[in-house]
Amino acid sequence: MAKTPVTQETYDQLVAEYNKLKKVDRPRVVDEMEEARKQGDLSENAEYHAAKEMLAHIDLRLPQLEEQIANAVVVAFDANSETIKFGATVTVKDLKTKKEKVYQLVSPEGVDVFNGKISFKSPLGSALIGKTRGDVVEYTTPKGINKLEVIDYK
């Protein structure tokens, strides 16, 4: 599988989630299943079925995280870059509303729209890659074409 660029923050979050699932959550759920088994009839034991479902979720997520971590390459944005690249924090101005917004270009695993972290593979993220201050960027969403001016990046 191809290597995936990630920020250090995203990498740390993936490792933390993996460690928590493997060392804390999975052992706790296994213990809960054992306790539920001791109660007798499993066919009507809601605690047992909930724990079994949670264990299945954890056992599905762990290999996904292992693969993401194994294929992750931590990339830091070069502040001296002449163009916008992965990891950049970009300030743009919407040419329609005149409002400024700040976005950081991250991997799909690091997306946090509420905190301005967008995928470099998203329509906006891919439109920003390679641009510089003063460039006008057009990208299409289901609501139509949007135009932004790149104010700054770091």
Protein backbone atom coordinates (compact mmCIF):
# COMPACT_ATOMS: atom_id res chain seq x y z
CA MET A 1 0.00 0.00 0.00
CA ALA A 2 1.16 3.54 -0.72
CA LYS A 3 2.56 5.69 2.03
CA THR A 4 0.20 8.37 3.35
CA PRO A 5 1.45 11.78 4.42
CA VAL A 6 0.21 12.77 7.89
CA THR A 7 0.94 15.56 10.31
CA GLN A 8 2.70 14.69 13.56
CA GLU A 9 -0.54 15.47 15.38
CA THR A 10 -2.52 12.99 13.26
CA TYR A 11 0.16 10.32 13.69
CA ASP A 12 0.11 10.81 17.46
CA GLN A 13 -3.69 10.56 17.49
CA LEU A 14 -3.63 7.30 15.50
CA VAL A 15 -1.04 5.78 17.85
CA ALA A 16 -2.96 6.99 20.93
CA GLU A 17 -6.22 5.51 19.65
CA TYR A 18 -4.48 2.22 18.84
CA ASN A 19 -2.84 2.00 22.26
CA LYS A 20 -6.06 2.87 24.09
CA LEU A 21 -8.06 0.28 22.17
CA LYS A 22 -5.41 -2.43 22.58
CA LYS A 23 -4.30 -1.80 26.17
CA VAL A 24 -7.38 -0.30 27.85
CA ASP A 25 -10.64 -0.79 25.96
CA ARG A 26 -10.18 -4.34 24.67
CA PRO A 27 -9.09 -5.83 28.04
CA ARG A 28 -11.96 -3.97 29.78
CA VAL A 29 -14.53 -5.32 27.29
CA VAL A 30 -13.15 -8.87 27.61
CA ASP A 31 -13.51 -8.55 31.40
CA GLU A 32 -17.09 -7.28 30.97
CA MET A 33 -17.88 -10.30 28.78
CA GLU A 34 -16.47 -12.66 31.42
CA GLU A 35 -18.57 -11.00 34.13
CA ALA A 36 -21.67 -11.20 31.94
CA ARG A 37 -21.00 -14.90 31.26
CA LYS A 38 -21.01 -15.59 35.00
CA GLN A 39 -24.59 -14.32 35.17
CA GLY A 40 -25.85 -17.38 33.34
CA ASP A 41 -28.17 -17.48 30.32
CA LEU A 42 -26.42 -15.51 27.54
CA SER A 43 -29.38 -15.46 25.16
CA GLU A 44 -31.13 -12.73 27.20
CA ASN A 45 -28.05 -11.05 28.66
CA ALA A 46 -27.92 -7.50 27.27
CA GLU A 47 -24.58 -6.74 28.92
CA TYR A 48 -22.98 -9.74 27.23
CA HIS A 49 -24.35 -8.85 23.80
CA ALA A 50 -23.29 -5.20 24.16
CA ALA A 51 -19.77 -6.24 25.18
CA LYS A 52 -19.61 -8.77 22.34
CA GLU A 53 -20.63 -6.07 19.85
CA MET A 54 -18.06 -3.63 21.28
CA LEU A 55 -15.33 -6.29 21.07
CA ALA A 56 -16.20 -6.90 17.40
CA HIS A 57 -15.92 -3.17 16.74
CA ILE A 58 -12.54 -2.98 18.48
CA ASP A 59 -11.23 -6.06 16.67
CA LEU A 60 -12.26 -4.50 13.36
CA ARG A 61 -10.70 -1.11 14.15
CA LEU A 62 -7.32 -2.37 15.42
CA PRO A 63 -6.09 -3.75 12.04
CA GLN A 64 -7.28 -0.57 10.31
CA LEU A 65 -5.22 1.51 12.72
CA GLU A 66 -2.21 -0.81 12.37
CA GLU A 67 -2.32 -0.33 8.60
CA GLN A 68 -2.73 3.45 8.84
CA ILE A 69 0.19 3.71 11.26
CA ALA A 70 2.40 1.40 9.17
CA ASN A 71 1.73 3.44 6.02
CA ALA A 72 1.97 6.87 7.64
CA VAL A 73 4.81 9.21 6.79
CA VAL A 74 5.04 12.24 9.06
CA VAL A 75 5.45 15.34 6.92
CA ALA A 76 6.04 18.80 8.33
CA PHE A 77 5.26 21.85 6.25
CA ASP A 78 8.37 23.75 5.14
CA ALA A 79 7.78 27.36 6.18
CA ASN A 80 10.13 28.48 3.37
CA SER A 81 8.05 26.79 0.67
CA GLU A 82 7.17 29.01 -2.26
CA THR A 83 3.80 27.30 -2.68
CA ILE A 84 1.11 25.72 -0.55
CA LYS A 85 1.83 22.08 0.25
CA PHE A 86 0.58 19.38 2.58
CA GLY A 87 0.57 20.56 6.20
CA ALA A 88 0.27 24.27 5.37
CA THR A 89 -2.05 26.49 7.34
CA VAL A 90 -3.72 28.72 4.77
CA THR A 91 -5.65 31.95 5.23
CA VAL A 92 -8.14 32.61 2.44
CA LYS A 93 -10.77 35.25 1.72
CA ASP A 94 -14.11 34.24 0.22
CA LEU A 95 -14.57 36.57 -2.75
CA LYS A 96 -18.36 36.47 -2.39
CA THR A 97 -18.73 37.07 1.36
CA LYS A 98 -15.36 38.83 1.91
CA LYS A 99 -14.90 36.70 5.05
CA GLU A 100 -11.50 35.24 5.90
CA LYS A 101 -11.08 31.63 6.94
CA VAL A 102 -8.10 29.57 8.01
CA TYR A 103 -7.57 25.95 6.96
CA GLN A 104 -4.82 23.44 7.60
CA LEU A 105 -4.22 20.84 4.90
CA VAL A 106 -4.04 17.43 6.56
CA SER A 107 -4.47 13.76 5.63
CA PRO A 108 -7.98 12.31 5.47
CA GLU A 109 -7.35 10.68 8.88
CA GLY A 110 -6.66 14.08 10.44
CA VAL A 111 -9.74 15.91 9.19
CA ASP A 112 -11.49 18.05 11.80
CA VAL A 113 -13.73 20.47 9.94
CA PHE A 114 -14.82 22.26 13.12
CA ASN A 115 -11.18 23.22 13.76
CA GLY A 116 -10.36 24.10 10.14
CA LYS A 117 -8.45 20.90 9.33
CA ILE A 118 -9.39 19.76 5.83
CA SER A 119 -8.08 16.95 3.69
CA PHE A 120 -5.50 17.86 1.10
CA LYS A 121 -7.49 15.51 -1.15
CA SER A 122 -10.78 17.40 -0.71
CA PRO A 123 -11.99 19.73 -3.49
CA LEU A 124 -10.73 22.80 -1.60
CA GLY A 125 -7.55 21.13 -0.36
CA SER A 126 -6.51 19.92 -3.78
CA ALA A 127 -7.33 23.33 -5.29
CA LEU A 128 -5.04 25.04 -2.77
CA ILE A 129 -2.04 22.74 -3.36
CA GLY A 130 0.60 24.54 -5.44
CA LYS A 131 -0.94 28.00 -5.05
CA THR A 132 0.71 31.06 -3.53
CA ARG A 133 -0.29 34.40 -1.98
CA GLY A 134 -2.66 36.39 -4.16
CA ASP A 135 -3.81 33.43 -6.25
CA VAL A 136 -7.54 32.96 -6.75
CA VAL A 137 -8.70 29.42 -6.21
CA GLU A 138 -11.89 27.95 -7.66
CA TYR A 139 -13.39 24.73 -6.40
CA THR A 140 -16.73 23.04 -6.85
CA THR A 141 -19.05 21.80 -4.15
CA PRO A 142 -22.64 20.58 -4.35
CA LYS A 143 -23.68 24.21 -3.74
CA GLY A 144 -21.75 25.40 -6.79
CA ILE A 145 -18.45 27.05 -7.65
CA ASN A 146 -16.60 28.90 -4.90
CA LYS A 147 -13.81 31.44 -5.36
CA LEU A 148 -11.24 32.20 -2.69
CA GLU A 149 -8.18 34.41 -2.65
CA VAL A 150 -5.09 33.09 -0.90
CA ILE A 151 -4.11 35.72 1.68
CA ASP A 152 -1.27 33.90 3.44
CA TYR A 153 0.10 30.48 4.34
CA LYS A 154 2.58 29.12 6.83
